[in-house]
Amino acid sequence: MSRPLSDPVKDAPKIAPMTVDRKFQRRRPQWLAPALLIMPAFVVVFAIAAYSAFSLFQLSTVDLTFGEPFRNAEAVGLENYQWLLTNEHSTFGAALRVTAIYLLGTLIPELLLGFAIALLLNRKMRGNSLFTAVLIIPIVLMPSMVGLIGRLYFHYDGLVNYFFELLTGIRHNWYGKDLALLAVILVDVWEWTPFFILILLAGLQTLPVEPFEAARVDGASRWQSFSLITLPLMLPLILTTLILRFMDVLRLFDVIFVMFAGGPGTSTTTLPLYVYRTTLVQRDVGRGSAASIMLIIIIVTLTVILIKVRERIKFEA
């Protein structure tokens, strides 16, 4: 009598499935794996930044001429900071004032123009893609090229004065002390308004449709829909864009340097230009480093304040 053939699949030994320690999974925080992946890069970047900041602060407490070895430095404590803030020959206060004017004169027009143009482009009409592509051109240009373009346009015989003379019959000296800062502001507005347009337009296109449809059914006007729905929903993104641009404006150097190099006099000398002039032109490493430390403190302090305002608005929204 023949034996029945065995089924190798059924007769195979049972292998117990691998069990997962769910208790361990629950205990392990979700942020642990991303933190471990980021940690090497974070440690390297933080170490370089901390060492650079410490070295810069160390230089700000000495009297040293640019080009001399550090062993010739003479420790002066906080005397460089005191000189910048209190000495009558210091132009640090004037540079701080110029920086504040430049900051407000660029951020406010760029935000208003960028938001207005983004609202116009947030409609279905022909040519939107082409117009958006053209807007990117000023952003992708090299800053030194933007400075050269601005220098040529605002020359006494340049394109800006040509149109002014056609409209008013008057030419302006944009290279003078009264108008040089305005010329730099106008060039910055031309260059960076598209930055606001692109980001705010992307934000407008991702807004939910339901609140606007409900407002339309309730008989709300366009202004009511904008002020009560669009603006509150866009406010966190607006503040984020302002923070990014704010940090960039405070450290801007190349465009102003190419156009006027901080002149005439100190009319366009912002804090980064002041650091350059003090360190490399006047060859005073200690005072230039002290000005750099104060610029870092200003940027970090104001950025933290803006971030806290953004978080509060986001939480309330």
Protein backbone atom coordinates (compact mmCIF):
# COMPACT_ATOMS: atom_id res chain seq x y z
CA MET A 1 0.00 0.00 0.00
CA SER A 2 1.57 3.28 -1.11
CA ARG A 3 1.90 6.15 1.33
CA PRO A 4 0.22 9.43 0.35
CA LEU A 5 2.55 12.12 -0.86
CA SER A 6 3.29 14.81 1.74
CA ASP A 7 2.60 18.48 1.11
CA PRO A 8 5.88 20.36 1.68
CA VAL A 9 4.04 23.59 2.36
CA LYS A 10 1.75 22.15 5.02
CA ASP A 11 4.43 19.96 6.57
CA ALA A 12 6.96 22.79 6.86
CA PRO A 13 7.74 23.72 10.44
CA LYS A 14 5.82 26.67 11.70
CA ILE A 15 7.94 29.76 12.19
CA ALA A 16 6.69 32.09 14.81
CA PRO A 17 6.16 35.58 13.40
CA MET A 18 8.54 38.25 14.58
CA THR A 19 6.94 40.25 17.29
CA VAL A 20 7.56 43.96 17.69
CA ASP A 21 8.08 45.42 21.07
CA ARG A 22 5.20 47.85 20.96
CA LYS A 23 6.00 49.09 24.43
CA PHE A 24 9.43 50.17 23.14
CA GLN A 25 7.78 51.85 20.15
CA ARG A 26 5.52 53.82 22.45
CA ARG A 27 8.40 54.90 24.67
CA ARG A 28 10.61 56.08 21.81
CA PRO A 29 9.72 59.69 20.95
CA GLN A 30 8.89 60.47 17.34
CA TRP A 31 11.46 63.24 17.13
CA LEU A 32 14.38 60.98 18.08
CA ALA A 33 15.15 59.58 14.60
CA PRO A 34 15.06 62.99 12.81
CA ALA A 35 17.16 64.50 15.59
CA LEU A 36 19.81 61.81 15.26
CA LEU A 37 19.96 62.34 11.49
CA ILE A 38 20.32 66.10 11.82
CA MET A 39 22.71 66.02 14.77
CA PRO A 40 26.06 65.62 12.89
CA ALA A 41 25.40 68.56 10.57
CA PHE A 42 24.01 70.64 13.44
CA VAL A 43 27.06 70.00 15.62
CA VAL A 44 29.46 71.02 12.83
CA VAL A 45 27.53 74.19 11.93
CA PHE A 46 27.01 75.17 15.57
CA ALA A 47 30.69 74.60 16.41
CA ILE A 48 31.84 76.78 13.49
CA ALA A 49 29.33 79.53 14.34
CA ALA A 50 30.19 79.46 18.06
CA TYR A 51 33.93 79.59 17.39
CA SER A 52 33.51 82.45 14.90
CA ALA A 53 31.34 84.43 17.32
CA PHE A 54 33.81 83.88 20.16
CA SER A 55 36.76 84.96 17.98
CA LEU A 56 34.86 88.02 16.81
CA PHE A 57 34.04 89.03 20.37
CA GLN A 58 37.66 88.49 21.35
CA LEU A 59 38.77 90.82 18.56
CA SER A 60 36.22 93.42 19.68
CA THR A 61 37.97 93.75 23.05
CA VAL A 62 41.43 94.60 21.69
CA ASP A 63 43.16 97.47 19.93
CA LEU A 64 44.59 96.03 16.73
CA THR A 65 45.48 97.45 13.32
CA PHE A 66 44.37 95.42 10.32
CA GLY A 67 47.26 93.34 8.95
CA GLU A 68 49.23 93.10 12.18
CA PRO A 69 49.61 89.77 14.02
CA PHE A 70 47.29 89.14 16.93
CA ARG A 71 50.21 89.06 19.37
CA ASN A 72 50.52 92.83 18.90
CA ALA A 73 46.93 93.37 20.08
CA GLU A 74 46.38 95.41 23.23
CA ALA A 75 43.46 94.43 25.45
CA VAL A 76 41.07 97.36 26.02
CA GLY A 77 37.99 95.59 27.40
CA LEU A 78 34.70 97.18 26.34
CA GLU A 79 36.33 100.46 25.32
CA ASN A 80 35.54 99.88 21.63
CA TYR A 81 31.83 99.53 22.36
CA GLN A 82 31.91 102.66 24.51
CA TRP A 83 33.64 104.59 21.71
CA LEU A 84 31.06 103.50 19.12
CA LEU A 85 28.11 104.54 21.29
CA THR A 86 29.36 107.68 23.03
CA ASN A 87 32.26 109.27 21.15
CA GLU A 88 31.41 112.41 19.21
CA HIS A 89 33.59 111.31 16.27
CA SER A 90 31.80 107.97 15.94
CA THR A 91 29.38 107.66 13.02
CA PHE A 92 27.84 104.45 14.32
CA GLY A 93 24.63 106.27 15.29
CA ALA A 94 24.36 107.77 11.79
CA ALA A 95 24.86 104.32 10.26
CA LEU A 96 22.17 102.92 12.52
CA ARG A 97 19.78 105.68 11.43
CA VAL A 98 20.52 105.08 7.74
CA THR A 99 19.96 101.34 8.26
CA ALA A 100 16.59 101.96 9.91
CA ILE A 101 15.48 104.27 7.06
CA TYR A 102 16.68 101.77 4.48
CA LEU A 103 14.94 98.90 6.28
CA LEU A 104 11.55 100.63 6.48
CA GLY A 105 11.90 102.22 3.05
CA THR A 106 12.39 98.84 1.39
CA LEU A 107 10.28 96.39 3.42
CA ILE A 108 7.03 98.38 3.49
CA PRO A 109 6.86 99.21 -0.27
CA GLU A 110 8.00 95.70 -1.22
CA LEU A 111 5.32 94.12 0.96
CA LEU A 112 2.51 96.40 -0.23
CA LEU A 113 3.44 96.20 -3.90
CA GLY A 114 4.12 92.48 -3.71
CA PHE A 115 0.81 91.70 -2.03
CA ALA A 116 -1.15 93.93 -4.42
CA ILE A 117 0.41 92.36 -7.53
CA ALA A 118 -0.04 88.87 -6.06
CA LEU A 119 -3.76 89.58 -5.61
CA LEU A 120 -3.97 90.71 -9.24
CA LEU A 121 -2.19 87.59 -10.48
CA ASN A 122 -4.37 85.32 -8.36
CA ARG A 123 -6.96 85.21 -11.12
CA LYS A 124 -7.48 83.03 -14.14
CA MET A 125 -6.28 85.15 -17.05
CA ARG A 126 -3.93 84.76 -19.95
CA GLY A 127 -0.28 85.60 -19.55
CA ASN A 128 0.03 84.84 -15.83
CA SER A 129 2.83 82.32 -16.32
CA LEU A 130 4.77 84.63 -18.64
CA PHE A 131 4.37 87.61 -16.31
CA THR A 132 5.49 85.54 -13.32
CA ALA A 133 8.55 84.32 -15.23
CA VAL A 134 9.50 87.90 -16.14
CA LEU A 135 9.21 88.93 -12.49
CA ILE A 136 11.88 86.43 -11.50
CA ILE A 137 14.56 88.17 -13.58
CA PRO A 138 15.60 90.82 -10.99
CA ILE A 139 15.98 88.16 -8.29
CA VAL A 140 18.29 85.91 -10.29
CA LEU A 141 20.61 88.74 -11.34
CA MET A 142 23.94 89.00 -9.53
CA PRO A 143 23.81 91.71 -6.82
CA SER A 144 26.87 93.40 -8.29
CA MET A 145 25.12 93.52 -11.67
CA VAL A 146 22.04 95.03 -10.01
CA GLY A 147 24.27 97.69 -8.46
CA LEU A 148 25.84 98.50 -11.81
CA ILE A 149 22.41 98.75 -13.45
CA GLY A 150 21.23 101.09 -10.69
CA ARG A 151 24.38 103.18 -10.99
CA LEU A 152 23.82 103.60 -14.74
CA TYR A 153 20.08 104.28 -14.48
CA PHE A 154 20.47 106.93 -11.78
CA HIS A 155 23.39 108.69 -13.46
CA TYR A 156 22.78 112.36 -14.21
CA ASP A 157 22.44 111.45 -17.91
CA GLY A 158 20.79 108.11 -17.17
CA LEU A 159 17.40 106.65 -17.97
CA VAL A 160 15.67 107.83 -14.77
CA ASN A 161 16.60 111.48 -15.35
CA TYR A 162 15.60 111.13 -19.00
CA PHE A 163 12.01 110.31 -18.02
CA PHE A 164 12.02 112.92 -15.25
CA GLU A 165 13.07 115.55 -17.76
CA LEU A 166 10.33 114.46 -20.17
CA LEU A 167 7.65 114.72 -17.47
CA THR A 168 8.83 117.67 -15.38
CA GLY A 169 11.65 119.33 -17.31
CA ILE A 170 13.97 118.85 -14.33
CA ARG A 171 16.96 116.59 -13.78
CA HIS A 172 17.93 115.38 -10.31
CA ASN A 173 21.38 114.69 -8.93
CA TRP A 174 20.83 111.16 -7.60
CA TYR A 175 24.50 110.98 -6.64
CA GLY A 176 24.10 113.76 -4.09
CA LYS A 177 23.62 113.38 -0.34
CA ASP A 178 19.89 114.10 -0.48
CA LEU A 179 18.84 111.48 -3.05
CA ALA A 180 21.52 108.76 -2.95
CA LEU A 181 19.74 106.74 -0.26
CA LEU A 182 16.42 107.05 -2.11
CA ALA A 183 18.09 105.74 -5.28
CA VAL A 184 19.41 102.69 -3.42
CA ILE A 185 15.96 102.07 -1.90
CA LEU A 186 14.29 102.23 -5.33
CA VAL A 187 16.78 99.73 -6.75
CA ASP A 188 16.15 97.36 -3.84
CA VAL A 189 12.38 97.66 -4.29
CA TRP A 190 12.76 96.84 -8.00
CA GLU A 191 14.94 93.83 -7.22
CA TRP A 192 13.09 92.23 -4.31
CA THR A 193 9.39 93.02 -4.79
CA PRO A 194 9.13 89.86 -6.97
CA PHE A 195 10.27 87.87 -3.93
CA PHE A 196 7.12 88.94 -2.07
CA ILE A 197 4.99 88.42 -5.19
CA LEU A 198 6.05 84.81 -5.71
CA ILE A 199 5.70 83.72 -2.09
CA LEU A 200 2.41 85.53 -1.42
CA LEU A 201 0.96 84.35 -4.73
CA ALA A 202 1.77 80.77 -3.79
CA GLY A 203 0.07 81.34 -0.44
CA LEU A 204 -3.05 82.83 -2.05
CA GLN A 205 -3.36 79.85 -4.38
CA THR A 206 -3.38 77.42 -1.44
CA LEU A 207 -6.13 79.14 0.56
CA PRO A 208 -9.27 77.03 1.13
CA VAL A 209 -12.22 77.85 -1.13
CA GLU A 210 -15.03 77.08 1.34
CA PRO A 211 -14.78 80.29 3.47
CA PHE A 212 -14.94 82.48 0.36
CA GLU A 213 -17.94 80.59 -1.03
CA ALA A 214 -19.74 80.92 2.31
CA ALA A 215 -18.95 84.65 2.43
CA ARG A 216 -20.25 85.06 -1.12
CA VAL A 217 -23.50 83.29 -0.20
CA ASP A 218 -23.86 85.57 2.84
CA GLY A 219 -23.52 88.62 0.60
CA ALA A 220 -20.05 89.77 1.69
CA SER A 221 -18.31 92.31 -0.52
CA ARG A 222 -14.83 91.83 -1.96
CA TRP A 223 -13.34 94.12 0.65
CA GLN A 224 -15.03 92.21 3.46
CA SER A 225 -13.80 88.90 2.06
CA PHE A 226 -10.28 90.32 1.82
CA SER A 227 -10.18 91.93 5.26
CA LEU A 228 -12.00 89.19 7.17
CA ILE A 229 -10.81 86.04 5.38
CA THR A 230 -7.83 86.57 3.06
CA LEU A 231 -5.76 88.83 5.29
CA PRO A 232 -6.10 86.79 8.53
CA LEU A 233 -5.29 83.56 6.69
CA MET A 234 -2.29 85.13 4.95
CA LEU A 235 -0.89 86.95 7.98
CA PRO A 236 1.42 84.13 9.21
CA LEU A 237 2.91 83.77 5.73
CA ILE A 238 3.29 87.54 5.41
CA LEU A 239 5.21 87.68 8.68
CA THR A 240 7.40 84.73 7.66
CA THR A 241 8.28 86.49 4.39
CA LEU A 242 9.00 89.71 6.27
CA ILE A 243 11.32 87.89 8.68
CA LEU A 244 13.31 86.33 5.83
CA ARG A 245 13.62 89.61 3.96
CA PHE A 246 14.30 91.56 7.16
CA MET A 247 17.38 89.46 7.95
CA ASP A 248 18.60 89.86 4.38
CA VAL A 249 18.17 93.64 4.34
CA LEU A 250 20.16 94.14 7.54
CA ARG A 251 23.18 92.39 6.09
CA LEU A 252 22.94 93.82 2.56
CA PHE A 253 26.28 95.09 1.31
CA ASP A 254 27.02 94.49 -2.37
CA VAL A 255 24.35 96.58 -4.12
CA ILE A 256 24.98 99.66 -1.98
CA PHE A 257 28.73 99.24 -2.27
CA VAL A 258 28.66 99.00 -6.06
CA MET A 259 26.32 101.98 -6.42
CA PHE A 260 27.82 104.49 -3.99
CA ALA A 261 30.24 102.60 -1.67
CA GLY A 262 28.43 104.10 1.31
CA GLY A 263 28.76 107.67 0.05
CA PRO A 264 28.55 110.44 -0.64
CA GLY A 265 29.84 111.03 2.86
CA THR A 266 27.85 108.67 5.07
CA SER A 267 24.48 109.11 3.35
CA THR A 268 24.26 105.45 2.27
CA THR A 269 26.49 103.92 4.96
CA THR A 270 24.41 101.16 6.49
CA LEU A 271 25.78 99.01 9.32
CA PRO A 272 27.43 96.43 7.02
CA LEU A 273 29.11 99.29 5.10
CA TYR A 274 30.15 100.83 8.41
CA VAL A 275 31.80 97.56 9.45
CA TYR A 276 33.65 97.43 6.13
CA ARG A 277 34.82 101.03 6.34
CA THR A 278 35.95 100.72 9.95
CA THR A 279 37.76 97.41 9.52
CA LEU A 280 39.28 97.57 6.03
CA VAL A 281 39.45 101.30 5.23
CA GLN A 282 40.31 102.73 8.64
CA ARG A 283 42.09 99.43 9.50
CA ASP A 284 40.66 99.36 13.02
CA VAL A 285 39.94 95.69 13.73
CA GLY A 286 38.71 96.21 17.29
CA ARG A 287 36.03 98.79 16.52
CA GLY A 288 35.00 97.00 13.34
CA SER A 289 34.55 93.76 15.29
CA ALA A 290 32.59 95.58 17.98
CA ALA A 291 30.28 97.01 15.31
CA SER A 292 29.85 93.49 13.88
CA ILE A 293 28.87 92.13 17.30
CA MET A 294 26.32 94.91 17.75
CA LEU A 295 24.91 94.24 14.27
CA ILE A 296 24.51 90.54 15.15
CA ILE A 297 22.76 91.45 18.41
CA ILE A 298 20.36 93.77 16.57
CA ILE A 299 19.52 91.14 13.93
CA VAL A 300 18.99 88.34 16.45
CA THR A 301 16.93 90.48 18.84
CA LEU A 302 14.59 91.86 16.20
CA THR A 303 14.24 88.47 14.51
CA VAL A 304 13.27 86.81 17.79
CA ILE A 305 10.67 89.53 18.40
CA LEU A 306 9.19 89.06 14.92
CA ILE A 307 9.10 85.27 15.36
CA LYS A 308 7.27 85.63 18.69
CA VAL A 309 4.75 87.99 17.08
CA ARG A 310 4.25 85.50 14.25
CA GLU A 311 3.72 82.60 16.66
CA ARG A 312 1.21 84.59 18.68
CA ILE A 313 -0.76 85.59 15.59
CA LYS A 314 -0.64 82.01 14.29
CA PHE A 315 -1.88 80.68 17.64
CA GLU A 316 -4.72 83.21 17.80
CA ALA A 317 -5.71 82.41 14.20
